[in-house]
Amino acid sequence: MTPAELASVVLAAAHAVFEQRGLDRAALPASTVVERPRNPEHGDYASTLALQLSKKVGVPPRELAAALADELGRASGVKSVEIAGPGFLNIRLDAAAAGQLARVIVEAGAEYGRSDRLAGEKINLEFVSANPTGPVHIGGVRWAAVGDALSRLLRATGADVGTEYYFNDAGSQIDRFARSLLAAAKGESAPEDGYGGAYIAEIATEVQSRRPEVRTLDDDAAQEVFRVEGVALMFDEIRSSLRDFGVEFDTYFNEKDLHDRGELDLALNRLRQQGHLYESEGATWLRTTDFGDDKDRVLRKSNGEWTYFAADCAYYLDKRERGFERVVIMLGADHHGYIGRMKAMAACFGDDPERNLEILIGQLVNLLRDGAPMRMSKRAGTVITLEDLVEAIGVDASRYALARYSSDSPIDIDIELWTRATRDNPVYYVQYVAARTAGVARNAAEVGLVPGDGDAFRPELLDHEKENELLKALAEFPAVVATAAELREPHRVARYLEESVAASYHRFYDNCRVLPLGDEEVTDLHRARLWLNNATRTVIANGLHLLGVSAPERM
């Protein structure tokens, strides 16, 4: 029995009690939940339904709990119900009902854990969005891992998600990039405000190889060639490195397109219609202070140039015009000040900034070698890049390490820890269970132990304490996925895999032999435990997939 099925049983019991007592059934919720108690001695699951309904119907909570317990006690699969405290219901399932979950999981396969919790939500999820002036640095890599995991979680819970990468390919930083390439091509030092690193020289050389005529042009014309070709090469490199990291975007959006299509003027006109623009000192301002910003923001300077914030406004409007009801943007720690102005901007467009715009801030990442932070990239010169991280610990460990922590917490990634083939390496600890469950299934087949069809499965035989503990851990997966999606916290999946599933499986494996010993006859108990082993493999694989991490069959 899954937690959702048990919750339905509890609600059905409540309907029966209300009918028996003539209580107003309008007070009953459409659904309820059951939770795993912190102390396993209190039962398999707990419900607070009696406490929730008591005031609504004027019945003391313990009296209502007693009636619910009596009704629940007669339900199929429920072994016992106890009343605790002011009216908590502690529920124990019989072994057959608990063990049946293994069959549910195996037969559901990749679908187990998925739900329609967020069905109907159309979400635009923007992450990474590094400027095309250099390789993706380690802060952007964190968003690549977290953002991709979040997109998988949102889709697993029914949301319609469009992932997006915004290339800032217009403005002064691109001019500095082009000037840096030109200087490198001429054998000169980078401009004082330019970009350094070996990659600049590499791109300059490639541009000259593609466009040899650039050597004959004057500086202004040559700089334009380096701008166009250099940005294109950087785009290609960033996309390629992210693809190798397992991250693909539905849309790669160029800021320059906003300018070329006149969308900044469109946004300006929309804001003017809303009555939030004014002119001062020759510049056009957006009155964001009306919606809590610390100061008003310039959209167009007195010299006619657009500000970056004007492009932000146009880009937000573009997303909303494409039908996205919720715009989620992931930004680095240095962008915390953007929240107020972006929320105010959404309100200026007439949107609800709490409903239509969501901004997530990620904190810094340090890569440690021998206990000290690494500061210099071999290629970028000033920052640690995606390639540096992957070279140090690999794609799986990188993605797991970056998604394992709450994004609002700084991370130190210790190279020695994350490359160690021991249980203290979190990704190894979880992947080892994936490999061990696959190995058990292979070894079982070699000795003629196969799970058989579902009708031959004897779930009531899974009555060992460690089997029950593992079943309860596996039952939590759908709720963990839903909560992680709703709270935008992929790290909940990683911690669940480690602390609940992997830990419980190791204890099960140590105490409950799946394979027959020697010439021992294969029994229904062996088959039942093989179902549980395979169910564990399913949950581990599904959870790792949500994090973009592989579930190896061998290690």
Protein backbone atom coordinates (compact mmCIF):
# COMPACT_ATOMS: atom_id res chain seq x y z
CA MET A 1 0.00 0.00 0.00
CA THR A 2 1.42 3.39 -0.99
CA PRO A 3 1.09 6.46 1.27
CA ALA A 4 -1.38 7.91 -1.26
CA GLU A 5 -3.49 4.75 -1.11
CA LEU A 6 -3.42 4.77 2.68
CA ALA A 7 -4.41 8.44 2.69
CA SER A 8 -7.44 7.52 0.58
CA VAL A 9 -8.32 4.78 3.07
CA VAL A 10 -8.10 7.28 5.94
CA LEU A 11 -10.34 9.73 4.09
CA ALA A 12 -12.84 6.97 3.29
CA ALA A 13 -12.93 6.13 7.01
CA ALA A 14 -13.63 9.78 7.78
CA HIS A 15 -16.54 9.79 5.32
CA ALA A 16 -17.98 6.71 7.01
CA VAL A 17 -17.63 8.24 10.49
CA PHE A 18 -19.25 11.49 9.39
CA GLU A 19 -22.17 9.60 7.85
CA GLN A 20 -22.63 7.48 10.98
CA ARG A 21 -22.65 10.54 13.24
CA GLY A 22 -24.62 12.81 10.98
CA LEU A 23 -21.78 15.30 10.72
CA ASP A 24 -21.48 17.84 7.91
CA ARG A 25 -19.47 16.10 5.19
CA ALA A 26 -18.78 19.49 3.58
CA ALA A 27 -16.13 19.89 6.29
CA LEU A 28 -14.17 16.96 4.87
CA PRO A 29 -11.17 17.84 2.69
CA ALA A 30 -10.91 16.63 -0.90
CA SER A 31 -7.74 14.78 0.05
CA THR A 32 -5.48 14.18 3.00
CA VAL A 33 -1.96 12.98 3.66
CA VAL A 34 -0.30 10.49 5.93
CA GLU A 35 3.22 11.03 7.19
CA ARG A 36 6.01 8.80 8.35
CA PRO A 37 6.48 9.35 12.11
CA ARG A 38 9.94 10.36 13.28
CA ASN A 39 9.98 7.53 15.79
CA PRO A 40 9.35 4.17 14.03
CA GLU A 41 7.99 2.79 17.32
CA HIS A 42 4.95 5.02 16.79
CA GLY A 43 3.87 3.07 13.72
CA ASP A 44 4.30 3.00 9.99
CA TYR A 45 2.32 6.17 9.28
CA ALA A 46 0.59 8.97 11.15
CA SER A 47 -2.44 11.13 10.38
CA THR A 48 -3.56 14.43 11.91
CA LEU A 49 -6.99 14.37 10.23
CA ALA A 50 -8.91 14.20 13.53
CA LEU A 51 -7.09 17.31 14.77
CA GLN A 52 -7.80 19.14 11.51
CA LEU A 53 -11.54 18.37 11.56
CA SER A 54 -12.29 18.67 15.27
CA LYS A 55 -13.07 22.40 15.44
CA LYS A 56 -14.99 22.37 12.16
CA VAL A 57 -17.51 19.80 13.41
CA GLY A 58 -17.43 20.53 17.14
CA VAL A 59 -16.24 17.08 18.24
CA PRO A 60 -13.29 16.72 20.68
CA PRO A 61 -10.22 15.58 18.74
CA ARG A 62 -9.59 12.41 20.73
CA GLU A 63 -13.24 11.40 20.45
CA LEU A 64 -13.13 11.92 16.68
CA ALA A 65 -9.78 10.12 16.53
CA ALA A 66 -11.27 7.14 18.38
CA ALA A 67 -14.11 6.89 15.88
CA LEU A 68 -11.66 7.12 12.97
CA ALA A 69 -9.40 4.50 14.57
CA ASP A 70 -12.31 2.12 14.99
CA GLU A 71 -13.33 2.52 11.34
CA LEU A 72 -9.75 2.32 10.07
CA GLY A 73 -9.06 -0.81 12.08
CA ARG A 74 -11.54 -2.67 9.87
CA ALA A 75 -9.90 -1.54 6.62
CA SER A 76 -8.05 -4.08 4.53
CA GLY A 77 -4.30 -3.88 4.99
CA VAL A 78 -4.43 -1.97 8.28
CA LYS A 79 -2.97 -4.00 11.15
CA SER A 80 -3.65 -1.57 13.99
CA VAL A 81 -4.42 2.07 14.81
CA GLU A 82 -3.41 3.82 18.03
CA ILE A 83 -4.41 7.26 19.30
CA ALA A 84 -1.59 9.43 20.60
CA GLY A 85 -1.45 12.82 22.25
CA PRO A 86 -4.37 15.16 21.55
CA GLY A 87 -5.64 13.10 18.62
CA PHE A 88 -2.87 11.79 16.39
CA LEU A 89 -3.53 8.50 14.61
CA ASN A 90 -0.59 6.11 14.49
CA ILE A 91 -1.21 3.48 11.83
CA ARG A 92 0.48 0.14 11.29
CA LEU A 93 0.04 -1.85 8.10
CA ASP A 94 0.06 -5.60 7.89
CA ALA A 95 3.05 -7.13 6.09
CA ALA A 96 1.07 -7.95 2.94
CA ALA A 97 -0.18 -4.39 2.51
CA ALA A 98 3.26 -2.92 3.22
CA GLY A 99 5.11 -5.37 1.02
CA GLN A 100 2.76 -4.87 -1.93
CA LEU A 101 4.56 -1.57 -2.53
CA ALA A 102 7.54 -3.46 -3.99
CA ARG A 103 5.33 -4.77 -6.80
CA VAL A 104 3.81 -1.32 -7.38
CA ILE A 105 7.26 0.24 -7.77
CA VAL A 106 8.71 -2.42 -10.06
CA GLU A 107 5.68 -2.44 -12.32
CA ALA A 108 5.58 1.37 -12.47
CA GLY A 109 9.27 1.50 -13.41
CA ALA A 110 10.38 4.95 -14.57
CA GLU A 111 6.91 6.34 -13.81
CA TYR A 112 7.22 5.71 -10.08
CA GLY A 113 7.57 9.04 -8.31
CA ARG A 114 5.87 11.05 -11.03
CA SER A 115 2.63 12.92 -10.34
CA ASP A 116 0.34 15.63 -11.66
CA ARG A 117 0.86 17.88 -8.62
CA LEU A 118 1.87 20.86 -10.80
CA ALA A 119 -0.27 20.01 -13.84
CA GLY A 120 -1.54 23.11 -15.61
CA GLU A 121 1.43 25.30 -14.66
CA LYS A 122 3.38 26.73 -17.58
CA ILE A 123 6.83 27.71 -16.34
CA ASN A 124 9.77 29.37 -18.05
CA LEU A 125 12.96 28.33 -16.26
CA GLU A 126 16.05 30.38 -17.08
CA PHE A 127 19.41 29.35 -15.68
CA VAL A 128 23.16 29.67 -16.27
CA SER A 129 22.87 32.55 -18.80
CA ALA A 130 26.60 33.27 -18.61
CA ASN A 131 27.88 36.10 -20.77
CA PRO A 132 29.48 34.84 -24.01
CA THR A 133 32.79 36.41 -23.07
CA GLY A 134 34.40 33.33 -21.55
CA PRO A 135 33.88 29.70 -20.52
CA VAL A 136 31.17 28.81 -17.98
CA HIS A 137 32.66 29.39 -14.53
CA ILE A 138 31.99 27.25 -11.51
CA GLY A 139 29.16 29.46 -10.23
CA GLY A 140 27.36 29.01 -13.55
CA VAL A 141 28.04 25.29 -13.38
CA ARG A 142 26.14 25.15 -10.10
CA TRP A 143 23.10 26.58 -11.83
CA ALA A 144 23.56 24.16 -14.72
CA ALA A 145 23.29 21.21 -12.30
CA VAL A 146 20.57 22.67 -10.09
CA GLY A 147 18.56 24.19 -12.93
CA ASP A 148 18.56 21.04 -15.02
CA ALA A 149 17.57 18.95 -11.98
CA LEU A 150 14.79 21.42 -11.19
CA SER A 151 13.45 21.24 -14.75
CA ARG A 152 13.34 17.45 -14.45
CA LEU A 153 11.52 17.68 -11.13
CA LEU A 154 8.97 20.17 -12.43
CA ARG A 155 8.24 17.99 -15.44
CA ALA A 156 8.00 14.90 -13.22
CA THR A 157 5.24 16.65 -11.29
CA GLY A 158 3.24 17.61 -14.36
CA ALA A 159 4.36 21.18 -15.10
CA ASP A 160 4.79 22.42 -18.67
CA VAL A 161 8.38 23.68 -18.54
CA GLY A 162 10.46 25.59 -21.05
CA THR A 163 14.16 25.85 -20.20
CA GLU A 164 16.02 28.88 -21.45
CA TYR A 165 19.54 30.25 -21.71
CA TYR A 166 19.84 34.02 -22.19
CA PHE A 167 22.93 35.16 -24.08
CA ASN A 168 23.89 38.74 -23.23
CA ASP A 169 25.33 39.34 -26.67
CA ALA A 170 24.75 43.10 -26.74
CA GLY A 171 26.30 45.89 -24.76
CA SER A 172 29.64 47.04 -23.42
CA GLN A 173 30.90 43.65 -22.22
CA ILE A 174 30.76 42.38 -25.81
CA ASP A 175 32.69 45.44 -26.96
CA ARG A 176 35.38 44.69 -24.36
CA PHE A 177 35.44 41.07 -25.51
CA ALA A 178 35.93 42.11 -29.15
CA ARG A 179 38.70 44.55 -28.22
CA SER A 180 40.42 41.80 -26.22
CA LEU A 181 40.33 39.47 -29.24
CA LEU A 182 41.71 42.18 -31.50
CA ALA A 183 44.54 42.89 -29.06
CA ALA A 184 45.38 39.17 -28.85
CA ALA A 185 45.45 38.93 -32.64
CA LYS A 186 47.88 41.84 -32.77
CA GLY A 187 50.09 40.31 -30.09
CA GLU A 188 49.20 43.05 -27.62
CA SER A 189 48.20 42.86 -23.97
CA ALA A 190 44.49 42.80 -23.19
CA PRO A 191 42.85 46.21 -22.65
CA GLU A 192 42.73 47.33 -19.04
CA ASP A 193 38.98 46.58 -18.88
CA GLY A 194 39.22 43.55 -21.19
CA TYR A 195 39.38 39.81 -20.81
CA GLY A 196 42.49 37.69 -20.31
CA GLY A 197 43.22 34.00 -20.33
CA ALA A 198 44.46 31.54 -22.90
CA TYR A 199 40.99 31.10 -24.36
CA ILE A 200 41.09 34.67 -25.73
CA ALA A 201 44.19 33.89 -27.78
CA GLU A 202 42.63 30.60 -28.92
CA ILE A 203 39.48 32.32 -30.16
CA ALA A 204 41.45 35.12 -31.82
CA THR A 205 43.48 32.52 -33.71
CA GLU A 206 40.35 30.66 -34.78
CA VAL A 207 38.68 33.85 -36.01
CA GLN A 208 41.74 34.64 -38.14
CA SER A 209 41.67 31.11 -39.52
CA ARG A 210 38.02 31.47 -40.50
CA ARG A 211 38.27 35.04 -41.69
CA PRO A 212 41.87 35.61 -42.88
CA GLU A 213 40.89 38.95 -44.43
CA VAL A 214 40.53 40.36 -40.91
CA ARG A 215 44.30 40.94 -40.90
CA THR A 216 43.95 43.53 -43.67
CA LEU A 217 41.12 45.54 -42.09
CA ASP A 218 41.40 48.71 -40.03
CA ASP A 219 40.84 48.34 -36.29
CA ASP A 220 37.16 49.32 -36.29
CA ALA A 221 36.26 46.88 -39.05
CA ALA A 222 38.48 44.16 -37.60
CA GLN A 223 36.94 44.61 -34.17
CA GLU A 224 33.46 44.09 -35.65
CA VAL A 225 34.62 40.84 -37.28
CA PHE A 226 36.09 39.66 -33.99
CA ARG A 227 32.85 40.60 -32.22
CA VAL A 228 30.59 38.64 -34.56
CA GLU A 229 32.84 35.62 -35.04
CA GLY A 230 34.18 35.57 -31.49
CA VAL A 231 30.72 35.63 -29.91
CA ALA A 232 29.58 32.84 -32.24
CA LEU A 233 32.59 30.71 -31.30
CA MET A 234 32.00 31.36 -27.59
CA PHE A 235 28.32 30.44 -28.02
CA ASP A 236 29.31 27.16 -29.62
CA GLU A 237 31.83 26.38 -26.91
CA ILE A 238 29.42 27.13 -24.07
CA ARG A 239 26.66 25.05 -25.64
CA SER A 240 29.06 22.18 -26.29
CA SER A 241 30.46 22.16 -22.76
CA LEU A 242 26.96 22.24 -21.26
CA ARG A 243 25.86 19.44 -23.58
CA ASP A 244 28.80 17.35 -22.41
CA PHE A 245 27.62 18.11 -18.87
CA GLY A 246 24.22 16.66 -19.74
CA VAL A 247 22.41 20.00 -19.97
CA GLU A 248 20.38 20.98 -23.02
CA PHE A 249 18.09 24.00 -23.25
CA ASP A 250 14.80 24.25 -25.11
CA THR A 251 15.61 27.82 -26.11
CA TYR A 252 18.83 29.79 -26.50
CA PHE A 253 17.71 33.42 -26.49
CA ASN A 254 19.95 36.23 -27.76
CA GLU A 255 19.69 39.66 -26.15
CA LYS A 256 20.62 41.19 -29.50
CA ASP A 257 17.35 39.86 -30.94
CA LEU A 258 15.42 42.03 -28.49
CA HIS A 259 17.15 45.09 -29.92
CA ASP A 260 16.87 43.99 -33.55
CA ARG A 261 13.15 43.22 -33.27
CA GLY A 262 12.30 46.46 -31.50
CA GLU A 263 11.13 44.70 -28.35
CA LEU A 264 12.69 47.28 -26.05
CA ASP A 265 10.46 49.94 -27.62
CA LEU A 266 7.50 47.59 -27.25
CA ALA A 267 8.23 47.13 -23.54
CA LEU A 268 8.71 50.88 -23.10
CA ASN A 269 5.35 51.58 -24.71
CA ARG A 270 3.62 48.95 -22.57
CA LEU A 271 5.05 50.47 -19.40
CA ARG A 272 4.04 53.94 -20.59
CA GLN A 273 0.50 52.71 -21.10
CA GLN A 274 0.54 51.39 -17.54
CA GLY A 275 1.44 54.89 -16.36
CA HIS A 276 4.77 54.09 -14.74
CA LEU A 277 7.22 56.03 -16.96
CA TYR A 278 8.47 59.57 -16.59
CA GLU A 279 11.13 61.76 -18.17
CA SER A 280 13.84 63.47 -16.15
CA GLU A 281 17.10 65.13 -17.27
CA GLY A 282 16.57 63.80 -20.76
CA ALA A 283 16.35 60.17 -19.62
CA THR A 284 13.36 57.80 -19.44
CA TRP A 285 12.72 56.35 -15.99
CA LEU A 286 10.56 53.54 -14.62
CA ARG A 287 8.92 54.40 -11.31
CA THR A 288 9.76 51.14 -9.56
CA THR A 289 9.70 52.79 -6.12
CA ASP A 290 5.90 52.61 -6.34
CA PHE A 291 6.32 48.87 -5.87
CA GLY A 292 8.99 48.67 -3.17
CA ASP A 293 12.23 49.21 -5.11
CA ASP A 294 14.84 51.33 -3.35
CA LYS A 295 15.08 53.74 -6.30
CA ASP A 296 13.58 54.36 -9.72
CA ARG A 297 15.38 52.82 -12.69
CA VAL A 298 16.60 54.36 -15.94
CA LEU A 299 15.47 52.55 -19.08
CA ARG A 300 16.87 54.90 -21.70
CA LYS A 301 19.77 57.26 -21.02
CA SER A 302 19.84 60.89 -22.05
CA ASN A 303 22.14 59.97 -24.97
CA GLY A 304 19.51 57.54 -26.29
CA GLU A 305 21.29 54.35 -25.21
CA TRP A 306 19.31 51.57 -23.60
CA THR A 307 20.23 50.30 -20.13
CA TYR A 308 20.63 46.63 -19.23
CA PHE A 309 17.46 46.94 -17.17
CA ALA A 310 15.52 47.95 -20.27
CA ALA A 311 16.57 44.67 -21.89
CA ASP A 312 15.51 42.84 -18.71
CA CYS A 313 12.06 44.43 -19.02
CA ALA A 314 11.76 43.51 -22.70
CA TYR A 315 12.92 39.95 -22.05
CA TYR A 316 10.43 39.45 -19.21
CA LEU A 317 7.61 40.77 -21.38
CA ASP A 318 8.70 38.48 -24.22
CA LYS A 319 8.44 35.44 -21.94
CA ARG A 320 5.00 36.44 -20.73
CA GLU A 321 3.84 37.09 -24.29
CA ARG A 322 4.96 33.55 -25.18
CA GLY A 323 2.40 32.24 -22.71
CA PHE A 324 4.52 31.46 -19.66
CA GLU A 325 2.49 32.14 -16.52
CA ARG A 326 5.45 31.86 -14.19
CA VAL A 327 8.92 33.14 -15.00
CA VAL A 328 11.63 31.54 -12.86
CA ILE A 329 15.12 33.06 -13.06
CA MET A 330 18.21 31.65 -11.38
CA LEU A 331 20.88 34.22 -10.57
CA GLY A 332 24.26 34.22 -8.85
CA ALA A 333 25.03 35.57 -5.40
CA ASP A 334 26.18 38.91 -6.82
CA HIS A 335 22.70 39.53 -8.26
CA HIS A 336 20.80 39.63 -4.97
CA GLY A 337 20.06 43.32 -5.52
CA TYR A 338 18.15 42.46 -8.70
CA ILE A 339 15.23 40.93 -6.80
CA GLY A 340 13.63 44.21 -5.72
CA ARG A 341 13.86 45.90 -9.10
CA MET A 342 12.71 42.81 -11.03
CA LYS A 343 9.71 42.26 -8.75
CA ALA A 344 8.82 45.96 -9.10
CA MET A 345 9.19 45.73 -12.88
CA ALA A 346 6.72 42.82 -13.01
CA ALA A 347 4.25 44.86 -10.98
CA CYS A 348 4.71 47.81 -13.37
CA PHE A 349 3.59 45.52 -16.21
CA GLY A 350 0.44 44.76 -14.22
CA ASP A 351 1.54 41.30 -13.11
CA ASP A 352 1.49 39.78 -9.65
CA PRO A 353 5.22 39.62 -8.80
CA GLU A 354 4.61 36.84 -6.28
CA ARG A 355 2.75 34.71 -8.78
CA ASN A 356 4.33 35.55 -12.14
CA LEU A 357 8.00 36.06 -11.26
CA GLU A 358 10.27 33.95 -9.12
CA ILE A 359 13.96 34.66 -8.59
CA LEU A 360 16.31 32.11 -7.05
CA ILE A 361 19.75 33.15 -5.81
CA GLY A 362 22.64 30.72 -5.69
CA GLN A 363 25.65 31.11 -3.46
CA LEU A 364 29.34 30.67 -4.21
CA VAL A 365 31.19 27.44 -4.94
CA ASN A 366 34.81 26.71 -4.04
CA LEU A 367 36.81 23.84 -5.48
CA LEU A 368 39.30 22.58 -2.89
CA ARG A 369 42.53 20.76 -3.53
CA ASP A 370 44.56 19.67 -0.50
CA GLY A 371 42.15 21.69 1.64
CA ALA A 372 42.83 25.00 -0.13
CA PRO A 373 40.58 26.76 -2.66
CA MET A 374 41.68 26.58 -6.29
CA ARG A 375 41.74 30.06 -7.75
CA MET A 376 43.16 29.86 -11.25
CA SER A 377 41.97 27.97 -14.29
CA LYS A 378 44.50 26.52 -16.69
CA ARG A 379 42.61 28.11 -19.54
CA ALA A 380 40.41 30.94 -18.27
CA GLY A 381 43.14 32.41 -16.10
CA THR A 382 40.99 34.01 -13.42
CA VAL A 383 38.17 31.59 -12.57
CA ILE A 384 37.52 27.87 -12.22
CA THR A 385 35.48 26.61 -15.17
CA LEU A 386 33.06 23.79 -15.91
CA GLU A 387 35.86 21.87 -17.63
CA ASP A 388 38.12 22.27 -14.59
CA LEU A 389 35.47 20.78 -12.31
CA VAL A 390 34.65 17.88 -14.62
CA GLU A 391 38.33 17.13 -15.15
CA ALA A 392 38.81 17.04 -11.39
CA ILE A 393 35.89 14.82 -10.29
CA GLY A 394 33.84 13.80 -13.36
CA VAL A 395 30.35 14.68 -14.59
CA ASP A 396 28.32 12.49 -12.20
CA ALA A 397 30.14 13.64 -9.08
CA SER A 398 30.03 17.27 -10.25
CA ARG A 399 26.30 17.24 -10.86
CA TYR A 400 25.56 15.39 -7.63
CA ALA A 401 27.83 17.60 -5.52
CA LEU A 402 26.31 20.80 -6.92
CA ALA A 403 22.70 19.63 -6.57
CA ARG A 404 23.19 18.05 -3.13
CA TYR A 405 23.11 21.32 -1.19
CA SER A 406 20.50 24.03 -0.83
CA SER A 407 21.31 26.60 -3.50
CA ASP A 408 21.32 29.43 -0.95
CA SER A 409 24.27 27.81 0.87
CA PRO A 410 27.93 28.19 -0.18
CA ILE A 411 29.65 24.94 -1.19
CA ASP A 412 33.19 23.67 -0.78
CA ILE A 413 33.83 20.76 -3.17
CA ASP A 414 36.79 18.74 -1.95
CA ILE A 415 38.42 16.96 -4.89
CA GLU A 416 39.85 14.21 -2.68
CA LEU A 417 36.45 13.43 -1.14
CA TRP A 418 34.46 13.41 -4.39
CA THR A 419 36.91 11.11 -6.19
CA ARG A 420 37.17 8.61 -3.34
CA ALA A 421 35.62 5.15 -3.86
CA THR A 422 34.37 4.93 -0.28
CA ARG A 423 31.10 5.39 1.55
CA ASP A 424 32.01 8.88 2.74
CA ASN A 425 31.78 10.04 -0.89
CA PRO A 426 28.02 10.77 -1.20
CA VAL A 427 27.66 10.04 -4.91
CA TYR A 428 29.65 6.81 -4.58
CA TYR A 429 27.49 5.81 -1.60
CA VAL A 430 24.28 6.15 -3.64
CA GLN A 431 25.63 4.80 -6.94
CA TYR A 432 27.03 1.79 -5.07
CA VAL A 433 23.45 0.84 -4.13
CA ALA A 434 22.43 1.18 -7.77
CA ALA A 435 25.26 -1.16 -8.75
CA ARG A 436 24.68 -3.57 -5.86
CA THR A 437 20.96 -3.98 -6.61
CA ALA A 438 21.80 -4.64 -10.27
CA GLY A 439 24.46 -7.13 -9.20
CA VAL A 440 22.02 -8.96 -6.92
CA ALA A 441 19.55 -9.25 -9.81
CA ARG A 442 22.27 -10.64 -12.10
CA ASN A 443 23.47 -13.14 -9.52
CA ALA A 444 19.88 -14.19 -8.80
CA ALA A 445 19.30 -14.98 -12.45
CA GLU A 446 22.45 -17.10 -12.54
CA VAL A 447 21.13 -19.37 -9.77
CA GLY A 448 17.64 -19.57 -11.23
CA LEU A 449 16.07 -17.03 -8.86
CA VAL A 450 13.67 -14.82 -10.80
CA PRO A 451 10.94 -12.64 -9.33
CA GLY A 452 8.18 -14.24 -11.40
CA ASP A 453 4.97 -12.47 -12.27
CA GLY A 454 3.10 -10.28 -9.85
CA ASP A 455 0.52 -12.92 -9.04
CA ALA A 456 3.25 -15.18 -7.62
CA PHE A 457 4.63 -12.40 -5.39
CA ARG A 458 4.11 -13.08 -1.66
CA PRO A 459 4.36 -9.61 -0.07
CA GLU A 460 3.24 -10.86 3.34
CA LEU A 461 6.62 -12.60 3.67
CA LEU A 462 8.39 -9.21 3.86
CA ASP A 463 7.84 -8.92 7.60
CA HIS A 464 11.42 -8.39 8.80
CA GLU A 465 12.11 -5.10 10.58
CA LYS A 466 14.70 -4.06 7.98
CA GLU A 467 12.39 -4.98 5.11
CA ASN A 468 9.68 -2.80 6.60
CA GLU A 469 12.14 0.05 7.09
CA LEU A 470 13.22 -0.13 3.45
CA LEU A 471 9.64 -0.30 2.20
CA LYS A 472 8.75 2.83 4.15
CA ALA A 473 11.78 4.61 2.71
CA LEU A 474 10.78 3.67 -0.84
CA ALA A 475 7.22 4.80 -0.19
CA GLU A 476 8.40 8.34 0.52
CA PHE A 477 9.79 8.92 -2.97
CA PRO A 478 6.70 10.45 -4.68
CA ALA A 479 6.23 12.92 -1.83
CA VAL A 480 9.93 13.83 -1.85
CA VAL A 481 9.79 14.53 -5.59
CA ALA A 482 6.66 16.66 -5.27
CA THR A 483 8.04 18.66 -2.36
CA ALA A 484 11.40 19.20 -4.06
CA ALA A 485 9.62 20.53 -7.16
CA GLU A 486 7.26 22.80 -5.26
CA LEU A 487 10.01 24.27 -3.07
CA ARG A 488 12.56 24.39 -5.94
CA GLU A 489 14.96 22.29 -3.87
CA PRO A 490 16.56 19.41 -5.81
CA HIS A 491 18.89 18.76 -2.88
CA ARG A 492 15.96 17.08 -1.11
CA VAL A 493 16.13 14.23 -3.63
CA ALA A 494 19.87 13.73 -3.12
CA ARG A 495 19.60 13.71 0.68
CA TYR A 496 16.64 11.33 0.51
CA LEU A 497 18.59 8.91 -1.69
CA GLU A 498 21.52 8.96 0.73
CA GLU A 499 19.91 9.13 4.13
CA SER A 500 16.75 7.16 3.54
CA VAL A 501 17.03 4.75 0.61
CA ALA A 502 20.76 3.93 0.50
CA ALA A 503 21.07 3.72 4.27
CA SER A 504 17.98 1.50 4.59
CA TYR A 505 19.07 -0.75 1.73
CA HIS A 506 22.49 -1.36 3.27
CA ARG A 507 20.82 -2.41 6.53
CA PHE A 508 18.38 -4.63 4.62
CA TYR A 509 21.21 -6.23 2.64
CA ASP A 510 23.21 -6.93 5.80
CA ASN A 511 20.26 -8.56 7.60
CA CYS A 512 18.07 -10.14 4.93
CA ARG A 513 19.70 -12.54 2.49
CA VAL A 514 18.22 -12.29 -0.99
CA LEU A 515 20.15 -15.12 -2.68
CA PRO A 516 19.98 -18.76 -1.56
CA LEU A 517 23.15 -20.16 -0.01
CA GLY A 518 24.92 -23.04 -1.75
CA ASP A 519 22.42 -25.71 -2.73
CA GLU A 520 19.64 -24.10 -0.73
CA GLU A 521 16.27 -24.30 -2.47
CA VAL A 522 14.82 -21.10 -3.90
CA THR A 523 11.82 -20.08 -1.80
CA ASP A 524 9.02 -17.54 -2.01
CA LEU A 525 10.90 -15.46 0.56
CA HIS A 526 13.91 -15.22 -1.76
CA ARG A 527 11.60 -14.14 -4.56
CA ALA A 528 9.85 -11.57 -2.38
CA ARG A 529 13.17 -10.08 -1.33
CA LEU A 530 14.26 -9.95 -4.97
CA TRP A 531 11.16 -7.86 -5.70
CA LEU A 532 12.20 -5.52 -2.90
CA ASN A 533 15.77 -5.40 -4.20
CA ASN A 534 14.52 -4.52 -7.68
CA ALA A 535 12.14 -1.90 -6.30
CA THR A 536 15.11 -0.26 -4.60
CA ARG A 537 17.00 -0.25 -7.89
CA THR A 538 14.02 1.49 -9.52
CA VAL A 539 13.83 4.24 -6.91
CA ILE A 540 17.59 4.85 -6.91
CA ALA A 541 17.65 5.02 -10.71
CA ASN A 542 14.62 7.31 -10.88
CA GLY A 543 16.04 9.61 -8.21
CA LEU A 544 19.47 9.82 -9.80
CA HIS A 545 17.86 10.51 -13.18
CA LEU A 546 16.11 13.53 -11.68
CA LEU A 547 19.55 14.83 -10.69
CA GLY A 548 21.03 14.06 -14.11
CA VAL A 549 23.30 11.40 -12.61
CA SER A 550 23.78 7.86 -13.92
CA ALA A 551 22.72 4.72 -12.06
CA PRO A 552 25.54 2.29 -12.94
CA GLU A 553 24.98 -1.44 -13.10
CA ARG A 554 28.60 -2.13 -12.17
CA MET A 555 31.24 -0.21 -10.24
